[in-house]
Protein backbone atom coordinates (compact mmCIF):
# COMPACT_ATOMS: atom_id res chain seq x y z
CA MET A 1 -0.03 0.00 0.00
CA ILE A 2 2.89 2.36 0.75
CA LYS A 3 4.38 1.70 -2.67
CA GLU A 4 1.02 2.48 -4.39
CA PHE A 5 0.75 5.72 -2.40
CA ARG A 6 4.26 6.70 -3.26
CA ASP A 7 3.56 5.97 -6.97
CA PHE A 8 0.40 8.09 -6.82
CA ILE A 9 2.12 11.05 -5.17
CA LEU A 10 5.08 10.93 -7.50
CA LYS A 11 2.92 10.81 -10.63
CA GLY A 12 3.15 13.96 -12.66
CA ASN A 13 -0.57 14.51 -12.48
CA ALA A 14 -0.75 14.69 -8.70
CA ILE A 15 2.22 17.02 -8.49
CA ASP A 16 0.98 19.21 -11.35
CA LEU A 17 -2.50 19.40 -9.67
CA ALA A 18 -1.01 20.42 -6.32
CA VAL A 19 1.15 23.07 -7.89
CA GLY A 20 -1.80 24.35 -9.95
CA VAL A 21 -4.03 24.63 -6.88
CA LEU A 22 -1.40 26.54 -4.93
CA ILE A 23 -0.59 28.84 -7.83
CA GLY A 24 -4.31 29.41 -8.45
CA ALA A 25 -4.88 30.32 -4.80
CA THR A 26 -1.95 32.76 -4.87
CA PHE A 27 -3.06 34.20 -8.17
CA GLY A 28 -6.50 34.68 -6.71
CA LYS A 29 -5.01 36.88 -4.04
CA VAL A 30 -3.13 38.93 -6.73
CA VAL A 31 -6.38 39.47 -8.72
CA ASP A 32 -8.26 40.32 -5.50
CA ALA A 33 -5.60 42.82 -4.50
CA PHE A 34 -5.56 44.40 -8.03
CA THR A 35 -9.36 44.64 -8.01
CA THR A 36 -9.61 46.02 -4.50
CA GLY A 37 -6.57 48.37 -4.73
CA ILE A 38 -6.88 49.67 -8.23
CA ILE A 39 -10.18 48.96 -9.95
CA LYS A 40 -12.63 49.47 -7.05
CA PRO A 41 -11.19 52.98 -6.15
CA VAL A 42 -11.41 54.01 -9.79
CA ILE A 43 -15.03 52.86 -9.90
CA SER A 44 -15.70 54.75 -6.62
CA VAL A 45 -14.28 57.98 -8.07
CA ILE A 46 -16.26 57.62 -11.31
CA GLY A 47 -19.57 56.29 -10.06
CA GLY A 48 -19.66 56.33 -6.29
CA ASN A 49 -19.77 53.43 -3.89
CA PRO A 50 -20.55 50.15 -5.74
CA ASP A 51 -21.96 48.52 -2.51
CA VAL A 52 -25.66 47.87 -2.61
CA SER A 53 -27.71 47.57 0.64
CA LEU A 54 -31.04 45.89 0.13
CA LYS A 55 -32.87 43.89 2.78
CA LEU A 56 -36.16 42.15 2.25
CA GLY A 57 -37.20 40.99 5.64
CA ILE A 58 -34.59 38.58 6.85
CA LEU A 59 -33.08 38.19 3.44
CA ASP A 60 -30.06 40.33 2.51
CA VAL A 61 -30.45 40.64 -1.26
CA GLY A 62 -27.87 43.43 -1.34
CA MET A 63 -25.19 40.97 -0.30
CA VAL A 64 -25.95 38.81 -3.30
CA ILE A 65 -26.03 41.81 -5.68
CA ASN A 66 -22.64 42.99 -4.24
CA ALA A 67 -21.17 39.57 -4.80
CA MET A 68 -22.42 39.52 -8.38
CA ILE A 69 -20.96 42.99 -9.06
CA MET A 70 -17.63 41.89 -7.60
CA LEU A 71 -17.76 38.71 -9.76
CA LEU A 72 -18.31 40.85 -12.90
CA ILE A 73 -15.54 43.29 -11.93
CA THR A 74 -13.12 40.45 -11.11
CA GLY A 75 -14.01 38.65 -14.33
CA ALA A 76 -13.46 41.82 -16.30
CA VAL A 77 -10.06 42.38 -14.62
CA LEU A 78 -9.02 38.74 -15.24
CA PHE A 79 -10.09 38.89 -18.86
CA PHE A 80 -8.72 42.30 -19.92
CA VAL A 81 -5.60 42.46 -17.72
CA PHE A 82 -4.52 38.83 -17.73
CA VAL A 83 -6.25 36.52 -20.28
CA LYS A 84 -6.38 38.88 -23.32
CA PRO A 85 -2.64 39.88 -23.13
CA MET A 86 -1.68 36.23 -22.53
CA ASN A 87 -3.63 35.12 -25.57
CA LYS A 88 -1.88 37.74 -27.67
CA LEU A 89 1.49 36.67 -26.31
CA LYS A 90 0.75 33.02 -27.08
CA ALA A 91 -0.34 33.91 -30.63
CA LEU A 92 2.92 35.81 -31.17
CA ILE A 93 5.04 32.98 -29.80
CA GLU A 94 3.27 30.11 -31.58
CA LYS A 95 4.15 29.72 -35.14
CA PRO A 96 1.34 28.65 -37.46
CA ALA A 97 1.71 25.04 -38.58
CA ALA A 98 2.50 24.43 -42.22
CA PRO A 99 -0.53 23.28 -44.14
CA ALA A 100 -0.67 19.55 -44.52
CA ALA A 101 -0.09 18.11 -47.99
CA PRO A 102 -3.20 16.69 -49.61
CA PRO A 103 -3.50 12.96 -49.10
CA GLU A 104 -2.42 10.62 -51.84
CA PRO A 105 -5.38 9.62 -54.04
CA THR A 106 -6.73 6.12 -53.41
CA PRO A 107 -6.43 3.53 -56.19
CA ASP A 108 -10.14 4.04 -57.01
CA GLN A 109 -9.65 7.74 -57.38
CA LYS A 110 -6.64 7.22 -59.64
CA LEU A 111 -8.67 4.84 -61.81
CA LEU A 112 -11.60 7.32 -62.03
CA THR A 113 -9.16 10.07 -62.99
CA GLU A 114 -7.69 7.98 -65.74
CA ILE A 115 -11.18 7.12 -67.02
CA ARG A 116 -12.13 10.85 -66.93
CA ASP A 117 -8.97 11.74 -68.83
CA LEU A 118 -9.61 9.10 -71.47
CA LEU A 119 -13.17 10.26 -71.98
CA LYS A 120 -11.99 13.85 -72.38
CA ASN A 121 -9.44 12.84 -75.04
CA ARG A 122 -12.05 10.80 -76.89
CA GLU A 123 -14.26 13.78 -77.61
């Protein structure tokens, strides 16, 4: 059982997943800091306080609306500050693959081509 556990842990997938989760958590903090420190103050200067306070009885609908607003702001930051530039960088780095040569005609296609050519010459 110890050997199986060691093999599982040392597999590339488990290590890659662990590294990805840790990097993702850290990157989330970077995005949150960018949104809170830069984007949110700019929005506050332009349009006021983006916090919504709306209570319907015991339900706090404003909290849900605030979370949705922050989701949209964070998504926009992720897309325009990180994803879009990375996609452009990838496009610049990756070279387009050479077009593949057309496949060799099958024997049936060769025979049909010969028949077509013979019929053309006959006319």
